[in-house]
Amino acid sequence: MAYKITEECIACGSCQPECPADAITEGEPYVIDPKKCTDCASCADVCPVDACKPA
């Protein structure tokens, strides 16, 4: 199951460099490409506002 970034995202950018699949795109909120996401939870581990959730 891919992760998604919810509206709680504060666009801090901490998740993007942690994604080993390069599935996260900058924006407000940031966006995770479900086709690239490997469900590793690296984004969730570093998100300061818990905006990365299983889709």
N, C-alpha and C. Protein backbone atom coordinates (compact mmCIF):
# COMPACT_ATOMS: atom_id res chain seq x y z
N MET A 1 0.85 -1.18 0.00
CA MET A 1 0.00 0.00 0.00
C MET A 1 0.89 1.24 0.00
N ALA A 2 0.69 2.12 -0.91
CA ALA A 2 1.48 3.35 -1.02
C ALA A 2 1.10 4.33 0.09
N TYR A 3 2.02 5.24 0.37
CA TYR A 3 1.75 6.31 1.31
C TYR A 3 1.20 7.51 0.57
N LYS A 4 0.53 8.39 1.29
CA LYS A 4 0.07 9.66 0.72
C LYS A 4 0.38 10.75 1.73
N ILE A 5 0.40 11.97 1.27
CA ILE A 5 0.65 13.11 2.14
C ILE A 5 -0.66 13.87 2.30
N THR A 6 -1.07 14.05 3.53
CA THR A 6 -2.36 14.67 3.82
C THR A 6 -2.26 16.19 3.86
N GLU A 7 -3.39 16.83 4.06
CA GLU A 7 -3.45 18.29 4.09
C GLU A 7 -2.72 18.89 5.29
N GLU A 8 -2.33 18.07 6.26
CA GLU A 8 -1.57 18.56 7.40
C GLU A 8 -0.15 18.96 7.00
N CYS A 9 0.27 18.61 5.80
CA CYS A 9 1.62 18.90 5.30
C CYS A 9 1.92 20.40 5.40
N ILE A 10 3.09 20.71 5.97
CA ILE A 10 3.51 22.10 6.10
C ILE A 10 4.58 22.46 5.07
N ALA A 11 4.80 21.57 4.10
CA ALA A 11 5.75 21.77 3.00
C ALA A 11 7.15 22.10 3.51
N CYS A 12 7.59 21.38 4.54
CA CYS A 12 8.91 21.64 5.11
C CYS A 12 10.03 21.00 4.29
N GLY A 13 9.69 19.96 3.51
CA GLY A 13 10.67 19.32 2.66
C GLY A 13 11.48 18.22 3.31
N SER A 14 11.20 17.88 4.54
CA SER A 14 12.00 16.85 5.23
C SER A 14 11.80 15.46 4.63
N CYS A 15 10.66 15.19 4.04
CA CYS A 15 10.37 13.86 3.50
C CYS A 15 11.06 13.58 2.17
N GLN A 16 11.14 14.56 1.33
CA GLN A 16 11.63 14.35 -0.04
C GLN A 16 13.02 13.72 -0.13
N PRO A 17 14.02 14.22 0.58
CA PRO A 17 15.35 13.60 0.46
C PRO A 17 15.43 12.21 1.10
N GLU A 18 14.48 11.86 1.96
CA GLU A 18 14.49 10.56 2.63
C GLU A 18 13.90 9.45 1.78
N CYS A 19 13.18 9.79 0.72
CA CYS A 19 12.50 8.79 -0.11
C CYS A 19 13.50 8.08 -1.03
N PRO A 20 13.73 6.77 -0.80
CA PRO A 20 14.68 6.05 -1.64
C PRO A 20 14.17 5.79 -3.06
N ALA A 21 12.87 5.93 -3.27
CA ALA A 21 12.27 5.67 -4.58
C ALA A 21 12.08 6.94 -5.39
N ASP A 22 12.45 8.09 -4.83
CA ASP A 22 12.26 9.39 -5.49
C ASP A 22 10.80 9.58 -5.91
N ALA A 23 9.89 9.23 -4.99
CA ALA A 23 8.46 9.26 -5.30
C ALA A 23 7.76 10.54 -4.83
N ILE A 24 8.49 11.43 -4.15
CA ILE A 24 7.87 12.61 -3.57
C ILE A 24 8.20 13.85 -4.39
N THR A 25 7.15 14.61 -4.72
CA THR A 25 7.28 15.83 -5.51
C THR A 25 6.95 17.03 -4.64
N GLU A 26 7.74 18.08 -4.78
CA GLU A 26 7.55 19.30 -4.01
C GLU A 26 6.22 19.95 -4.37
N GLY A 27 5.58 20.52 -3.37
CA GLY A 27 4.32 21.22 -3.55
C GLY A 27 3.73 21.57 -2.21
N GLU A 28 2.54 22.08 -2.21
CA GLU A 28 1.83 22.39 -0.97
C GLU A 28 0.43 21.81 -1.05
N PRO A 29 0.17 20.62 -0.57
CA PRO A 29 1.13 19.74 0.10
C PRO A 29 2.02 19.01 -0.91
N TYR A 30 3.09 18.41 -0.39
CA TYR A 30 3.93 17.55 -1.22
C TYR A 30 3.08 16.38 -1.69
N VAL A 31 3.51 15.71 -2.76
CA VAL A 31 2.72 14.62 -3.34
C VAL A 31 3.61 13.39 -3.49
N ILE A 32 3.04 12.22 -3.17
CA ILE A 32 3.74 10.95 -3.35
C ILE A 32 3.13 10.23 -4.55
N ASP A 33 3.97 9.85 -5.50
CA ASP A 33 3.52 9.08 -6.66
C ASP A 33 3.29 7.64 -6.21
N PRO A 34 2.03 7.17 -6.20
CA PRO A 34 1.74 5.82 -5.70
C PRO A 34 2.37 4.72 -6.55
N LYS A 35 2.70 5.02 -7.79
CA LYS A 35 3.34 4.02 -8.65
C LYS A 35 4.81 3.82 -8.29
N LYS A 36 5.43 4.84 -7.69
CA LYS A 36 6.84 4.76 -7.31
C LYS A 36 7.02 4.38 -5.84
N CYS A 37 6.03 4.66 -5.01
CA CYS A 37 6.14 4.43 -3.57
C CYS A 37 6.32 2.95 -3.27
N THR A 38 7.30 2.64 -2.43
CA THR A 38 7.59 1.26 -2.06
C THR A 38 7.10 0.91 -0.66
N ASP A 39 6.35 1.79 -0.04
CA ASP A 39 5.76 1.55 1.28
C ASP A 39 6.83 1.37 2.36
N CYS A 40 7.93 2.10 2.25
CA CYS A 40 9.04 1.94 3.20
C CYS A 40 8.83 2.75 4.48
N ALA A 41 7.97 3.76 4.44
CA ALA A 41 7.64 4.62 5.57
C ALA A 41 8.76 5.58 5.96
N SER A 42 9.76 5.75 5.12
CA SER A 42 10.83 6.71 5.42
C SER A 42 10.27 8.12 5.56
N CYS A 43 9.30 8.46 4.76
CA CYS A 43 8.69 9.79 4.82
C CYS A 43 7.96 9.98 6.15
N ALA A 44 7.22 8.97 6.57
CA ALA A 44 6.47 9.05 7.82
C ALA A 44 7.40 9.17 9.02
N ASP A 45 8.54 8.51 8.94
CA ASP A 45 9.49 8.54 10.05
C ASP A 45 10.06 9.94 10.31
N VAL A 46 10.17 10.77 9.28
CA VAL A 46 10.78 12.08 9.44
C VAL A 46 9.78 13.25 9.44
N CYS A 47 8.54 13.00 9.13
CA CYS A 47 7.54 14.09 9.05
C CYS A 47 7.25 14.66 10.43
N PRO A 48 7.49 15.98 10.61
CA PRO A 48 7.28 16.59 11.93
C PRO A 48 5.81 16.77 12.31
N VAL A 49 4.90 16.68 11.33
CA VAL A 49 3.48 16.88 11.63
C VAL A 49 2.64 15.62 11.33
N ASP A 50 3.29 14.50 11.11
CA ASP A 50 2.62 13.22 10.87
C ASP A 50 1.65 13.31 9.69
N ALA A 51 2.10 13.93 8.58
CA ALA A 51 1.25 14.09 7.41
C ALA A 51 1.40 12.95 6.40
N CYS A 52 2.36 12.07 6.57
CA CYS A 52 2.54 10.93 5.66
C CYS A 52 1.82 9.73 6.25
N LYS A 53 0.82 9.26 5.52
CA LYS A 53 -0.03 8.18 6.02
C LYS A 53 -0.17 7.10 4.95
N PRO A 54 -0.40 5.86 5.38
CA PRO A 54 -0.73 4.81 4.39
C PRO A 54 -2.00 5.21 3.63
N ALA A 55 -1.97 5.03 2.33
CA ALA A 55 -3.12 5.41 1.49
C ALA A 55 -4.27 4.44 1.68
